[in-house]
């Protein structure tokens, strides 16, 4: 395993930051780690969304091995096994990790996470197919709605 860093928290939790991409099947058939690509920034606590039609994996926010919270979107191309940033001009959510994302009708929805400065739901509208850029917008629920 290529580890970028490893650390323990005050309550005994342990985090490992992978430098490279690996496939790992947690089953009796597990054989070994397999490196998929060189490159990409090490991150943990990010969310990943698969764009099946274009064979792309979006990596959203997360934290670096020295616990700097990220607010970027990186694209991993499953065919070429390369990384590229996804430009997201305009307003953006605050940096966060340990959040969740879901792809619904071509829109990425992001909720929660640590270090989020506000309780909010964000949507990322992807421009183009395959996406050339994204546009973040804060979701404003109707008055009295809870999430």
C-alpha atoms as a PDB file:
ATOM      1  CA  UNK A   1       0.000   0.000   0.000  1.00  0.00           C
ATOM      2  CA  UNK A   2       1.171   3.490  -0.787  1.00  0.00           C
ATOM      3  CA  UNK A   3       0.082   5.676   2.096  1.00  0.00           C
ATOM      4  CA  UNK A   4       0.407   9.433   2.025  1.00  0.00           C
ATOM      5  CA  UNK A   5      -0.134   9.733   5.736  1.00  0.00           C
ATOM      6  CA  UNK A   6      -1.554   7.970   8.721  1.00  0.00           C
ATOM      7  CA  UNK A   7      -2.732   9.488  11.930  1.00  0.00           C
ATOM      8  CA  UNK A   8      -4.834   8.842  15.017  1.00  0.00           C
ATOM      9  CA  UNK A   9      -7.344  11.121  16.627  1.00  0.00           C
ATOM     10  CA  UNK A  10      -7.863  11.857  20.334  1.00  0.00           C
ATOM     11  CA  UNK A  11     -10.572   9.189  20.630  1.00  0.00           C
ATOM     12  CA  UNK A  12      -8.447   6.491  19.011  1.00  0.00           C
ATOM     13  CA  UNK A  13      -9.857   6.711  15.478  1.00  0.00           C
ATOM     14  CA  UNK A  14      -7.378   6.113  12.706  1.00  0.00           C
ATOM     15  CA  UNK A  15      -7.266   7.616   9.223  1.00  0.00           C
ATOM     16  CA  UNK A  16      -5.169   6.613   6.246  1.00  0.00           C
ATOM     17  CA  UNK A  17      -4.709   8.702   3.138  1.00  0.00           C
ATOM     18  CA  UNK A  18      -4.044   6.798  -0.066  1.00  0.00           C
ATOM     19  CA  UNK A  19      -1.605   8.348  -2.499  1.00  0.00           C
ATOM     20  CA  UNK A  20      -2.793   6.309  -5.490  1.00  0.00           C
ATOM     21  CA  UNK A  21      -6.105   4.797  -6.532  1.00  0.00           C
ATOM     22  CA  UNK A  22      -6.696   1.200  -5.555  1.00  0.00           C
ATOM     23  CA  UNK A  23      -9.457  -1.333  -5.954  1.00  0.00           C
ATOM     24  CA  UNK A  24     -10.285  -3.285  -2.837  1.00  0.00           C
ATOM     25  CA  UNK A  25     -12.986  -5.919  -2.606  1.00  0.00           C
ATOM     26  CA  UNK A  26     -13.932  -6.816   0.949  1.00  0.00           C
ATOM     27  CA  UNK A  27     -14.866 -10.419   0.358  1.00  0.00           C
ATOM     28  CA  UNK A  28     -13.336 -13.888   0.676  1.00  0.00           C
ATOM     29  CA  UNK A  29     -12.209 -13.482  -2.933  1.00  0.00           C
ATOM     30  CA  UNK A  30      -9.994 -10.480  -2.015  1.00  0.00           C
ATOM     31  CA  UNK A  31      -6.588 -11.009  -3.563  1.00  0.00           C
ATOM     32  CA  UNK A  32      -4.595  -7.786  -3.646  1.00  0.00           C
ATOM     33  CA  UNK A  33      -4.544  -4.057  -4.167  1.00  0.00           C
ATOM     34  CA  UNK A  34      -4.308  -2.918  -7.751  1.00  0.00           C
ATOM     35  CA  UNK A  35      -3.048   0.529  -8.671  1.00  0.00           C
ATOM     36  CA  UNK A  36      -5.292   2.210 -11.226  1.00  0.00           C
ATOM     37  CA  UNK A  37      -3.480   5.463 -11.823  1.00  0.00           C
ATOM     38  CA  UNK A  38      -0.683   7.720 -10.790  1.00  0.00           C
ATOM     39  CA  UNK A  39      -1.646  11.248  -9.914  1.00  0.00           C
ATOM     40  CA  UNK A  40      -4.613  12.877  -8.312  1.00  0.00           C
ATOM     41  CA  UNK A  41      -4.299  14.527  -4.936  1.00  0.00           C
ATOM     42  CA  UNK A  42      -4.565  12.316  -1.845  1.00  0.00           C
ATOM     43  CA  UNK A  43      -7.897  12.868  -0.131  1.00  0.00           C
ATOM     44  CA  UNK A  44     -10.162  11.262   2.448  1.00  0.00           C
ATOM     45  CA  UNK A  45     -13.731  11.845   3.537  1.00  0.00           C
ATOM     46  CA  UNK A  46     -14.745  12.878   0.016  1.00  0.00           C
ATOM     47  CA  UNK A  47     -17.850  11.862  -1.888  1.00  0.00           C
ATOM     48  CA  UNK A  48     -17.690  10.090  -5.233  1.00  0.00           C
ATOM     49  CA  UNK A  49     -20.377  10.087  -7.911  1.00  0.00           C
ATOM     50  CA  UNK A  50     -20.266   7.850 -10.988  1.00  0.00           C
ATOM     51  CA  UNK A  51     -21.376   9.281 -14.333  1.00  0.00           C
ATOM     52  CA  UNK A  52     -22.038   5.952 -16.036  1.00  0.00           C
ATOM     53  CA  UNK A  53     -22.696   7.234 -19.563  1.00  0.00           C
ATOM     54  CA  UNK A  54     -19.365   9.038 -19.798  1.00  0.00           C
ATOM     55  CA  UNK A  55     -17.417   6.569 -17.584  1.00  0.00           C
ATOM     56  CA  UNK A  56     -16.301   9.375 -15.261  1.00  0.00           C
ATOM     57  CA  UNK A  57     -16.033   9.444 -11.483  1.00  0.00           C
ATOM     58  CA  UNK A  58     -16.487  12.812  -9.740  1.00  0.00           C
ATOM     59  CA  UNK A  59     -14.531  13.283  -6.495  1.00  0.00           C
ATOM     60  CA  UNK A  60     -16.141  16.042  -4.462  1.00  0.00           C
ATOM     61  CA  UNK A  61     -14.474  17.958  -1.612  1.00  0.00           C
ATOM     62  CA  UNK A  62     -12.814  15.917   1.169  1.00  0.00           C
ATOM     63  CA  UNK A  63      -9.655  16.545   3.197  1.00  0.00           C
ATOM     64  CA  UNK A  64      -5.925  16.320   2.541  1.00  0.00           C
ATOM     65  CA  UNK A  65      -3.522  14.229   4.613  1.00  0.00           C
ATOM     66  CA  UNK A  66      -2.756  17.303   6.754  1.00  0.00           C
ATOM     67  CA  UNK A  67      -6.501  17.885   7.301  1.00  0.00           C
ATOM     68  CA  UNK A  68      -6.992  20.861   5.030  1.00  0.00           C
ATOM     69  CA  UNK A  69     -10.610  20.756   3.930  1.00  0.00           C
ATOM     70  CA  UNK A  70     -11.210  20.898   0.193  1.00  0.00           C
ATOM     71  CA  UNK A  71     -13.955  22.478  -1.890  1.00  0.00           C
ATOM     72  CA  UNK A  72     -12.952  21.280  -5.355  1.00  0.00           C
ATOM     73  CA  UNK A  73     -14.295  18.704  -7.804  1.00  0.00           C
ATOM     74  CA  UNK A  74     -11.870  16.361  -9.524  1.00  0.00           C
ATOM     75  CA  UNK A  75     -12.760  14.034 -12.410  1.00  0.00           C
ATOM     76  CA  UNK A  76     -11.287  10.546 -12.777  1.00  0.00           C
ATOM     77  CA  UNK A  77     -11.713   9.121 -16.287  1.00  0.00           C
ATOM     78  CA  UNK A  78     -12.235   5.359 -15.952  1.00  0.00           C
ATOM     79  CA  UNK A  79     -11.153   4.720 -19.571  1.00  0.00           C
ATOM     80  CA  UNK A  80      -7.930   6.754 -19.690  1.00  0.00           C
ATOM     81  CA  UNK A  81      -7.259   6.484 -15.932  1.00  0.00           C
ATOM     82  CA  UNK A  82      -6.407  10.162 -15.687  1.00  0.00           C
ATOM     83  CA  UNK A  83      -7.400  12.946 -13.304  1.00  0.00           C
ATOM     84  CA  UNK A  84      -8.493  16.479 -14.193  1.00  0.00           C
ATOM     85  CA  UNK A  85     -10.074  19.321 -12.222  1.00  0.00           C
ATOM     86  CA  UNK A  86     -13.680  20.193 -13.063  1.00  0.00           C
ATOM     87  CA  UNK A  87     -13.933  23.986 -13.310  1.00  0.00           C
ATOM     88  CA  UNK A  88     -16.809  25.298 -11.188  1.00  0.00           C
ATOM     89  CA  UNK A  89     -16.895  29.091 -11.644  1.00  0.00           C
ATOM     90  CA  UNK A  90     -19.129  31.273  -9.508  1.00  0.00           C
ATOM     91  CA  UNK A  91     -20.494  30.628  -6.049  1.00  0.00           C
ATOM     92  CA  UNK A  92     -19.235  27.476  -4.306  1.00  0.00           C
ATOM     93  CA  UNK A  93     -20.053  25.624  -1.100  1.00  0.00           C
ATOM     94  CA  UNK A  94     -17.630  25.872   1.788  1.00  0.00           C
ATOM     95  CA  UNK A  95     -14.869  23.264   2.182  1.00  0.00           C
ATOM     96  CA  UNK A  96     -16.035  20.038   3.822  1.00  0.00           C
ATOM     97  CA  UNK A  97     -15.443  16.328   4.300  1.00  0.00           C
ATOM     98  CA  UNK A  98     -17.540  13.343   5.389  1.00  0.00           C
ATOM     99  CA  UNK A  99     -20.528  14.653   3.436  1.00  0.00           C
ATOM    100  CA  UNK A 100     -22.741  12.738   1.059  1.00  0.00           C
ATOM    101  CA  UNK A 101     -23.629  13.251  -2.590  1.00  0.00           C
ATOM    102  CA  UNK A 102     -26.189  11.724  -4.919  1.00  0.00           C
ATOM    103  CA  UNK A 103     -26.687  11.997  -8.679  1.00  0.00           C
ATOM    104  CA  UNK A 104     -30.348  12.538  -9.569  1.00  0.00           C
ATOM    105  CA  UNK A 105     -31.419  13.300 -13.148  1.00  0.00           C
ATOM    106  CA  UNK A 106     -27.975  14.620 -14.077  1.00  0.00           C
ATOM    107  CA  UNK A 107     -27.674  16.911 -11.034  1.00  0.00           C
ATOM    108  CA  UNK A 108     -25.292  16.204  -8.131  1.00  0.00           C
ATOM    109  CA  UNK A 109     -26.822  16.939  -4.718  1.00  0.00           C
ATOM    110  CA  UNK A 110     -24.491  17.468  -1.720  1.00  0.00           C
ATOM    111  CA  UNK A 111     -25.598  17.388   1.916  1.00  0.00           C
ATOM    112  CA  UNK A 112     -23.862  17.767   5.264  1.00  0.00           C
ATOM    113  CA  UNK A 113     -20.254  17.163   6.158  1.00  0.00           C
ATOM    114  CA  UNK A 114     -17.789  18.307   8.783  1.00  0.00           C
ATOM    115  CA  UNK A 115     -16.475  21.855   8.661  1.00  0.00           C
ATOM    116  CA  UNK A 116     -19.516  23.006   6.724  1.00  0.00           C
ATOM    117  CA  UNK A 117     -20.027  26.556   7.917  1.00  0.00           C
ATOM    118  CA  UNK A 118     -23.748  26.386   7.337  1.00  0.00           C
ATOM    119  CA  UNK A 119     -26.402  23.721   7.292  1.00  0.00           C
ATOM    120  CA  UNK A 120     -27.163  23.584   3.637  1.00  0.00           C
ATOM    121  CA  UNK A 121     -27.940  21.526   0.607  1.00  0.00           C
ATOM    122  CA  UNK A 122     -26.075  22.297  -2.609  1.00  0.00           C
ATOM    123  CA  UNK A 123     -26.652  21.179  -6.171  1.00  0.00           C
ATOM    124  CA  UNK A 124     -24.010  20.920  -8.882  1.00  0.00           C
ATOM    125  CA  UNK A 125     -25.389  21.265 -12.380  1.00  0.00           C
ATOM    126  CA  UNK A 126     -23.054  19.672 -14.910  1.00  0.00           C
ATOM    127  CA  UNK A 127     -22.521  21.563 -18.179  1.00  0.00           C
ATOM    128  CA  UNK A 128     -22.031  19.371 -21.270  1.00  0.00           C
ATOM    129  CA  UNK A 129     -21.696  15.654 -21.819  1.00  0.00           C
ATOM    130  CA  UNK A 130     -19.107  14.707 -20.806  1.00  0.00           C
ATOM    131  CA  UNK A 131     -19.134  17.638 -18.375  1.00  0.00           C
ATOM    132  CA  UNK A 132     -16.749  20.506 -19.168  1.00  0.00           C
ATOM    133  CA  UNK A 133     -17.648  22.473 -16.049  1.00  0.00           C
ATOM    134  CA  UNK A 134     -20.114  22.591 -13.195  1.00  0.00           C
ATOM    135  CA  UNK A 135     -22.232  25.303 -11.598  1.00  0.00           C
ATOM    136  CA  UNK A 136     -22.951  25.160  -7.870  1.00  0.00           C
ATOM    137  CA  UNK A 137     -26.173  26.608  -6.442  1.00  0.00           C
ATOM    138  CA  UNK A 138     -27.440  26.563  -2.888  1.00  0.00           C
ATOM    139  CA  UNK A 139     -30.790  24.816  -2.561  1.00  0.00           C
ATOM    140  CA  UNK A 140     -33.313  26.977  -0.755  1.00  0.00           C
ATOM    141  CA  UNK A 141     -36.091  24.857   0.765  1.00  0.00           C
ATOM    142  CA  UNK A 142     -39.570  26.221   1.224  1.00  0.00           C
ATOM    143  CA  UNK A 143     -40.193  27.956   4.580  1.00  0.00           C
ATOM    144  CA  UNK A 144     -40.621  25.446   7.396  1.00  0.00           C
ATOM    145  CA  UNK A 145     -38.935  22.600   5.499  1.00  0.00           C
ATOM    146  CA  UNK A 146     -36.392  20.505   7.418  1.00  0.00           C
ATOM    147  CA  UNK A 147     -33.394  18.556   6.210  1.00  0.00           C
END
